[in-house]
Amino acid sequence: MLLYRTQDKKLVEFSDCCICYCINPRSGTGQTIRFAKEKGIEIINLFTR
């Protein structure tokens, strides 16, 4: 589990925006979205569009 969080944080660090399809905000994808929000990265969730 820790490995995935580390990889997700690295992805967010090197990203300008986050395009995702997140249904459950408590999932791993939801956690990555929270990392991106903390960094001020634009998030485009295709589920809500």
C-alpha atoms as a PDB file:
ATOM      1  CA  MET A   1       0.000   0.000   0.000  1.00  0.00           C
ATOM      2  CA  LEU A   2       2.787   2.415   0.868  1.00  0.00           C
ATOM      3  CA  LEU A   3       4.448   1.826  -2.512  1.00  0.00           C
ATOM      4  CA  TYR A   4       1.322   2.979  -4.344  1.00  0.00           C
ATOM      5  CA  ARG A   5       1.108   6.154  -2.264  1.00  0.00           C
ATOM      6  CA  THR A   6       4.739   6.933  -3.059  1.00  0.00           C
ATOM      7  CA  GLN A   7       4.151   6.377  -6.779  1.00  0.00           C
ATOM      8  CA  ASP A   8       0.998   8.511  -6.696  1.00  0.00           C
ATOM      9  CA  LYS A   9       2.835  11.346  -4.978  1.00  0.00           C
ATOM     10  CA  LYS A  10       5.581  11.214  -7.618  1.00  0.00           C
ATOM     11  CA  LEU A  11       2.979  11.322 -10.392  1.00  0.00           C
ATOM     12  CA  VAL A  12       1.379  14.371  -8.805  1.00  0.00           C
ATOM     13  CA  GLU A  13       4.724  16.114  -8.282  1.00  0.00           C
ATOM     14  CA  PHE A  14       5.508  15.939 -12.002  1.00  0.00           C
ATOM     15  CA  SER A  15       1.996  16.807 -13.252  1.00  0.00           C
ATOM     16  CA  ASP A  16       0.386  20.038 -14.377  1.00  0.00           C
ATOM     17  CA  CYS A  17      -3.138  18.656 -14.225  1.00  0.00           C
ATOM     18  CA  CYS A  18      -4.975  15.540 -13.082  1.00  0.00           C
ATOM     19  CA  ILE A  19      -7.480  13.831 -15.385  1.00  0.00           C
ATOM     20  CA  CYS A  20      -9.283  11.012 -13.635  1.00  0.00           C
ATOM     21  CA  TYR A  21     -12.460   8.978 -13.379  1.00  0.00           C
ATOM     22  CA  CYS A  22     -13.184   8.793  -9.675  1.00  0.00           C
ATOM     23  CA  ILE A  23     -16.467   7.417  -8.368  1.00  0.00           C
ATOM     24  CA  ASN A  24     -15.416   6.809  -4.759  1.00  0.00           C
ATOM     25  CA  PRO A  25     -13.469   9.676  -3.139  1.00  0.00           C
ATOM     26  CA  ARG A  26     -12.270   7.301  -0.397  1.00  0.00           C
ATOM     27  CA  SER A  27     -10.421   5.091  -2.912  1.00  0.00           C
ATOM     28  CA  GLY A  28      -6.769   5.195  -3.926  1.00  0.00           C
ATOM     29  CA  THR A  29      -7.720   7.418  -6.839  1.00  0.00           C
ATOM     30  CA  GLY A  30      -9.485   9.716  -4.391  1.00  0.00           C
ATOM     31  CA  GLN A  31      -6.334   9.883  -2.312  1.00  0.00           C
ATOM     32  CA  THR A  32      -4.295  10.838  -5.373  1.00  0.00           C
ATOM     33  CA  ILE A  33      -6.835  13.567  -6.134  1.00  0.00           C
ATOM     34  CA  ARG A  34      -6.389  14.916  -2.604  1.00  0.00           C
ATOM     35  CA  PHE A  35      -2.608  15.012  -3.154  1.00  0.00           C
ATOM     36  CA  ALA A  36      -3.197  16.978  -6.355  1.00  0.00           C
ATOM     37  CA  LYS A  37      -5.573  19.420  -4.611  1.00  0.00           C
ATOM     38  CA  GLU A  38      -2.972  20.043  -1.914  1.00  0.00           C
ATOM     39  CA  LYS A  39      -0.448  20.914  -4.642  1.00  0.00           C
ATOM     40  CA  GLY A  40      -2.930  23.244  -6.358  1.00  0.00           C
ATOM     41  CA  ILE A  41      -3.104  21.125  -9.508  1.00  0.00           C
ATOM     42  CA  GLU A  42      -6.160  21.391 -11.757  1.00  0.00           C
ATOM     43  CA  ILE A  43      -8.361  18.295 -11.471  1.00  0.00           C
ATOM     44  CA  ILE A  44     -10.693  17.096 -14.202  1.00  0.00           C
ATOM     45  CA  ASN A  45     -12.891  14.261 -12.951  1.00  0.00           C
ATOM     46  CA  LEU A  46     -14.631  12.688 -15.946  1.00  0.00           C
ATOM     47  CA  PHE A  47     -17.151  10.999 -13.653  1.00  0.00           C
ATOM     48  CA  THR A  48     -18.746  14.311 -12.661  1.00  0.00           C
ATOM     49  CA  ARG A  49     -18.838  15.726 -16.171  1.00  0.00           C
END
